[in-house]
Amino acid sequence: MHGARMSRRGLFRAALAGLGAYGTTRGAPAFAAATEIKVPDSLRGETFDFETKGIEGWTTVAGQWAVEDMAGAPSGKKVLVQRATKNPFNVIVAPPGPYTDVDVSMRFKPISGREDASGGIVFRFAGGRYYVVRANALEDNFRLYCYDRGRRQIATARVRAPALGQWHTVRLVAVGDHVQVWLDGTRYLDHRDARLKSGRVGLWTKADSITAFDDLTIRGVTGGG
């Protein structure tokens, strides 16, 4: 009888362990069936593909950002590339906004980096404070951070590291304190955080990442400061 009880207990623990791991494996996250949050369908989007207009009006916070020709660009021939390799973080902020609720997507290609090879979306940027979601070709994780004179991780998921030299897609939707984020079409993050209410949208890399970006698309509810 004791052996039977231990067997049932072992099966129960194994089942719990399987459920706990489900949200962090390379398979579909445990919340994949949860309702997708949305900004209003009536909102018009703005897309930056860097074909006819560069980064005039953008705000460079840190980094060496420039529009360059690149074969195989997702849209046309031009992309935005960040080439600084000495800064802790590199950030550039697009002109529109500020926004409260947003739906943002972009394409990024990690070109090189030994310490880091990442690309990310900055949102609710105001006064040097912001959220950032990023993927890194050198790590098998996908993470959401809040930056306020220092970076604090607030959500993470295990993923297959995005391949160097290939284009990948990141999309996020933030409505109130609720944030959902996708990498290459799969939703991996679903989190709530109320620290930052509104701000502008931008792009991000870390350390020695040399990364190309294209097709930044923003649909948002304007407001705040």
Protein backbone atom coordinates (compact mmCIF):
# COMPACT_ATOMS: atom_id res chain seq x y z
CA MET A 1 0.00 0.00 0.00
CA HIS A 2 2.83 2.39 0.90
CA GLY A 3 4.44 1.70 -2.49
CA ALA A 4 1.17 2.43 -4.27
CA ARG A 5 0.82 5.76 -2.43
CA MET A 6 4.37 6.73 -3.37
CA SER A 7 3.69 5.81 -6.97
CA ARG A 8 0.60 8.03 -7.12
CA ARG A 9 2.49 10.85 -5.42
CA GLY A 10 5.30 10.51 -7.94
CA LEU A 11 2.86 10.64 -10.84
CA PHE A 12 1.21 13.75 -9.37
CA ARG A 13 4.55 15.52 -8.96
CA ALA A 14 5.56 14.61 -12.50
CA ALA A 15 2.29 16.03 -13.83
CA LEU A 16 2.81 19.28 -11.91
CA ALA A 17 6.36 19.53 -13.17
CA GLY A 18 5.15 19.06 -16.73
CA LEU A 19 2.59 21.83 -16.34
CA GLY A 20 5.14 24.15 -14.78
CA ALA A 21 7.58 23.60 -17.60
CA TYR A 22 5.00 24.00 -20.33
CA GLY A 23 5.18 27.78 -20.34
CA THR A 24 8.97 27.82 -20.64
CA THR A 25 9.65 25.14 -23.22
CA ARG A 26 10.14 25.72 -26.92
CA GLY A 27 6.58 24.52 -27.53
CA ALA A 28 3.47 26.69 -27.38
CA PRO A 29 3.29 28.68 -24.10
CA ALA A 30 0.71 27.61 -21.53
CA PHE A 31 -1.34 30.81 -22.04
CA ALA A 32 -1.47 30.52 -25.85
CA ALA A 33 -5.24 30.08 -25.75
CA ALA A 34 -5.77 33.21 -23.60
CA THR A 35 -7.67 36.12 -25.12
CA GLU A 36 -5.54 38.43 -27.26
CA ILE A 37 -5.69 42.04 -26.15
CA LYS A 38 -6.27 44.69 -28.83
CA VAL A 39 -6.08 48.39 -29.50
CA PRO A 40 -9.12 49.83 -31.33
CA ASP A 41 -9.45 48.61 -34.92
CA SER A 42 -10.16 52.18 -36.04
CA LEU A 43 -6.62 53.35 -35.23
CA ARG A 44 -4.47 54.13 -38.25
CA GLY A 45 -0.94 52.76 -38.27
CA GLU A 46 2.33 54.38 -39.23
CA THR A 47 5.08 52.28 -40.82
CA PHE A 48 8.77 53.16 -41.10
CA ASP A 49 10.50 51.16 -43.85
CA PHE A 50 13.30 53.72 -44.41
CA GLU A 51 12.91 53.63 -48.21
CA THR A 52 11.89 57.25 -48.85
CA LYS A 53 12.62 58.84 -45.49
CA GLY A 54 15.49 58.38 -43.07
CA ILE A 55 15.57 59.06 -39.34
CA GLU A 56 15.05 62.82 -39.48
CA GLY A 57 12.95 63.72 -36.45
CA TRP A 58 13.97 60.61 -34.52
CA THR A 59 15.67 60.95 -31.11
CA THR A 60 18.96 59.10 -30.68
CA VAL A 61 19.40 58.35 -26.97
CA ALA A 62 22.56 56.27 -27.44
CA GLY A 63 24.20 54.42 -30.30
CA GLN A 64 25.32 54.83 -33.90
CA TRP A 65 22.14 54.57 -35.97
CA ALA A 66 22.05 55.06 -39.75
CA VAL A 67 19.97 54.02 -42.76
CA GLU A 68 21.90 51.69 -45.06
CA ASP A 69 21.33 49.68 -48.22
CA MET A 70 21.05 45.97 -47.49
CA ALA A 71 20.42 43.08 -49.85
CA GLY A 72 17.45 40.98 -48.81
CA ALA A 73 15.76 43.76 -46.85
CA PRO A 74 12.16 42.87 -45.99
CA SER A 75 10.88 46.04 -47.72
CA GLY A 76 12.83 47.52 -50.60
CA LYS A 77 16.57 48.01 -50.18
CA LYS A 78 17.06 50.17 -47.09
CA VAL A 79 17.16 49.31 -43.39
CA LEU A 80 18.11 51.02 -40.14
CA VAL A 81 21.35 49.67 -38.64
CA GLN A 82 22.86 50.19 -35.19
CA ARG A 83 26.68 49.82 -35.21
CA ALA A 84 27.96 51.17 -31.85
CA THR A 85 29.65 48.43 -29.80
CA LYS A 86 30.79 50.22 -26.61
CA ASN A 87 27.51 51.30 -24.96
CA PRO A 88 25.57 49.32 -22.36
CA PHE A 89 22.37 49.95 -24.35
CA ASN A 90 21.58 51.66 -27.65
CA VAL A 91 18.20 53.35 -28.06
CA ILE A 92 16.55 55.41 -30.79
CA VAL A 93 13.00 56.74 -30.47
CA ALA A 94 10.59 57.35 -33.36
CA PRO A 95 8.84 60.73 -33.71
CA PRO A 96 5.16 59.80 -33.18
CA GLY A 97 3.40 59.77 -29.82
CA PRO A 98 3.31 59.71 -26.91
CA TYR A 99 0.97 56.75 -26.72
CA THR A 100 -0.88 54.98 -23.93
CA ASP A 101 -2.08 51.74 -25.56
CA VAL A 102 -0.06 50.49 -28.54
CA ASP A 103 0.29 47.69 -31.06
CA VAL A 104 3.88 47.69 -32.36
CA SER A 105 5.77 45.34 -34.67
CA MET A 106 9.18 45.37 -36.32
CA ARG A 107 11.60 43.16 -38.23
CA PHE A 108 15.18 42.77 -37.00
CA LYS A 109 18.28 40.92 -38.17
CA PRO A 110 21.06 40.27 -35.61
CA ILE A 111 24.21 40.70 -37.70
CA SER A 112 27.00 40.16 -35.17
CA GLY A 113 28.04 40.37 -31.53
CA ARG A 114 30.13 38.33 -29.11
CA GLU A 115 28.67 39.64 -25.86
CA ASP A 116 25.18 40.24 -27.23
CA ALA A 117 23.38 39.98 -30.58
CA SER A 118 19.96 41.39 -29.89
CA GLY A 119 17.13 43.55 -31.14
CA GLY A 120 14.20 44.98 -29.25
CA ILE A 121 11.21 47.33 -29.14
CA VAL A 122 11.15 50.22 -26.69
CA PHE A 123 7.70 51.44 -25.64
CA ARG A 124 6.28 54.00 -23.21
CA PHE A 125 9.58 55.92 -23.42
CA ALA A 126 9.38 59.15 -21.40
CA GLY A 127 12.05 61.00 -19.45
CA GLY A 128 14.60 58.25 -20.04
CA ARG A 129 12.32 55.58 -18.55
CA TYR A 130 10.88 52.83 -20.76
CA TYR A 131 9.86 49.23 -21.24
CA VAL A 132 11.81 47.09 -23.68
CA VAL A 133 11.14 43.62 -25.05
CA ARG A 134 14.10 41.94 -26.69
CA ALA A 135 15.33 38.74 -28.33
CA ASN A 136 18.99 37.70 -28.41
CA ALA A 137 20.63 35.42 -30.96
CA LEU A 138 23.11 34.27 -28.29
CA GLU A 139 20.49 33.24 -25.71
CA ASP A 140 17.43 30.99 -25.71
CA ASN A 141 15.18 33.49 -23.93
CA PHE A 142 12.74 36.27 -24.81
CA ARG A 143 12.45 38.99 -22.18
CA LEU A 144 10.54 42.07 -21.06
CA TYR A 145 12.36 44.70 -18.99
CA CYS A 146 11.63 48.02 -17.36
CA TYR A 147 14.43 50.58 -17.50
CA ASP A 148 14.69 53.43 -14.96
CA ARG A 149 18.38 54.33 -14.48
CA GLY A 150 18.92 50.58 -14.48
CA ARG A 151 17.34 47.58 -16.15
CA ARG A 152 14.98 45.24 -14.30
CA GLN A 153 13.67 42.02 -15.82
CA ILE A 154 9.92 41.64 -15.33
CA ALA A 155 9.03 38.67 -17.59
CA THR A 156 10.88 35.95 -19.49
CA ALA A 157 10.16 32.94 -21.69
CA ARG A 158 12.36 30.21 -23.09
CA VAL A 159 12.58 30.22 -26.90
CA ARG A 160 14.77 28.93 -29.67
CA ALA A 161 17.38 31.65 -30.09
CA PRO A 162 16.72 33.70 -33.25
CA ALA A 163 19.37 32.85 -35.83
CA LEU A 164 22.15 35.29 -36.68
CA GLY A 165 21.96 36.75 -40.15
CA GLN A 166 18.23 36.12 -40.56
CA TRP A 167 15.20 38.38 -40.28
CA HIS A 168 12.85 37.89 -37.35
CA THR A 169 9.63 39.59 -36.23
CA VAL A 170 8.73 40.98 -32.81
CA ARG A 171 5.26 42.30 -32.01
CA LEU A 172 3.86 43.68 -28.78
CA VAL A 173 0.47 44.93 -27.67
CA ALA A 174 0.16 46.99 -24.48
CA VAL A 175 -3.30 47.93 -23.19
CA GLY A 176 -3.32 49.54 -19.76
CA ASP A 177 -1.07 47.41 -17.53
CA HIS A 178 -1.45 44.33 -19.76
CA VAL A 179 1.36 43.44 -22.20
CA GLN A 180 1.45 40.56 -24.70
CA VAL A 181 4.48 39.89 -26.92
CA TRP A 182 5.17 37.65 -29.94
CA LEU A 183 8.39 36.40 -31.52
CA ASP A 184 8.16 35.13 -35.10
CA GLY A 185 4.40 34.73 -34.81
CA THR A 186 4.21 32.89 -31.46
CA ARG A 187 3.02 34.64 -28.32
CA TYR A 188 5.52 33.93 -25.53
CA LEU A 189 4.88 36.69 -22.99
CA ASP A 190 1.67 37.73 -21.26
CA HIS A 191 2.31 40.01 -18.30
CA ARG A 192 0.94 42.88 -16.24
CA ASP A 193 2.98 45.84 -15.03
CA ALA A 194 1.67 49.29 -14.10
CA ARG A 195 4.86 51.32 -13.64
CA LEU A 196 4.81 53.24 -16.94
CA LYS A 197 1.60 54.69 -18.40
CA SER A 198 2.54 56.34 -21.72
CA GLY A 199 5.40 57.39 -23.96
CA ARG A 200 6.98 57.02 -27.37
CA VAL A 201 8.13 53.93 -29.27
CA GLY A 202 11.65 53.07 -30.38
CA LEU A 203 14.27 50.43 -31.13
CA TRP A 204 16.98 48.93 -28.93
CA THR A 205 20.20 46.93 -28.92
CA LYS A 206 22.70 46.04 -26.22
CA ALA A 207 26.49 46.11 -25.87
CA ASP A 208 28.31 44.97 -29.05
CA SER A 209 25.19 44.00 -31.01
CA ILE A 210 25.24 45.13 -34.62
CA THR A 211 21.63 44.81 -35.69
CA ALA A 212 19.46 45.83 -38.66
CA PHE A 213 15.81 46.88 -38.34
CA ASP A 214 12.99 47.34 -40.82
CA ASP A 215 9.21 47.74 -41.04
CA LEU A 216 8.57 49.37 -37.67
CA THR A 217 4.77 49.72 -37.52
CA ILE A 218 2.96 51.60 -34.75
CA ARG A 219 -0.77 51.75 -34.02
CA GLY A 220 -1.50 53.61 -30.82
CA VAL A 221 -3.82 55.67 -28.67
CA THR A 222 -2.19 59.08 -28.30
CA GLY A 223 -2.06 60.59 -24.84
CA GLY A 224 0.03 61.19 -21.78
CA GLY A 225 3.46 62.74 -21.88
